[in-house]
Amino acid sequence: MKLGVLTNLLADRPLEEALAYFASLGLECVEIGCGGYPGNDHCHAQRLLQSPAEQKKFSDALQANGLTLAALAVHGNPVHPNKDIALRDRNSFEDAVLLAQKLGVETVVTFSGCPGDHEGALYPNWAICPWPDDYEKIRRWQWEEVLIPYWKEAAAFATQHGVRIALELHPGFSVYNPETLLRLREAAGDAIGANVDPSHLFWQGMDPCMAIRALRGAIHHFHAKDTRIDAANTTVNGVLDAKNFTRETERSWLFRTVGYGHDQQVWKDIISELRLAGYDGAISIEHEDSLMLPTEGLEKAVEFLRPCIMKQAKNTNAWWA
């Protein structure tokens, strides 16, 4: 496993400066946004695709700092009911896949997206209740008519270019837990896998270790981010909290730097479960902690996670093997 970072926390700095800082912390790899919600401050996919010189400059900057590129991130909603938004995000995804192939990167991280509730809808509809029956009809239409057809084509496109897709399990989108990820993977093929981010699992009430176990063989990427559950607010209002993230004292949960939501034993267990699941990729730190500056949160996360990271054992002749 390699300790890395999603670089958009330093989107205000030039790529070369950001990479030098990451290298100074002893990080080994980076995940770089090239469109969608992470933006493209450090990697403009179309520009690099059109210019071999820009591609070389990009790769040279990584090499000069001793960093490898673990993944490209292009989180968006390619099945958005607004056709213009859907087309924009589909194009961004395809550009990311093409660029990943050029750069020799095997993983593109994104969201499954969420459709509307009918062909003429204006906004996504995350329907998760079993009753009234309207919600089940919505979900059936979303999966059968929009989600599965799109991701079958997208997975085939990615496979054609030697790339795999890591869908982040994220509430608000159709794939938000192991069950929905595995359902889409079964329908669209093994190019579809999970980007496991424990922060989204914690606040839904899941045990990340058990989620990882359920996803064994289908994990393509990992985000290191924590969540702190506020017991008092949760007791009153539960975890389905739609208040703005700026209302920290009123929310049922907050995204936190790793170690500020759960202790090191919890994270050691998560890393160990990843190893048992056969995952040996990036542990990509994602900073979304509103109580810390990005550099402070990253530095604390690196210090916290370094003792948890496990290297692949080389001794296959041990007596217990």
Foldseek 3Di string as FASTA:
>chain_A
DFAAAEQLLVLVDAQLVSLLVRLVLVGAEYEYEQEAPSHRSHHPLVVCVVDVVVVVVSVVSCVVSNHYYAEYEYAAALQELPPVRNVRSVVSLLSRLLVCLVNVHAEYEYALHAYPQDNNDHGGDQQDDPPPVSSVSSLVCGVPPTRLVVLLVVLVSSVVSNHAYAHEQAPVGQRNALVSQVVSCVRRHLSRAHAYEVQSQVLVPHQLLVRLVSRQPRHSHYEYKHKAFDVVLCVVPNSPDPDDQVPPVNHRMHIAQPCPHDHLVSVLSNQVSCVVSVDDGYHYYYDDGPVDRSVVSVSVNSVSCVVSHDDDDDDPPDPVD
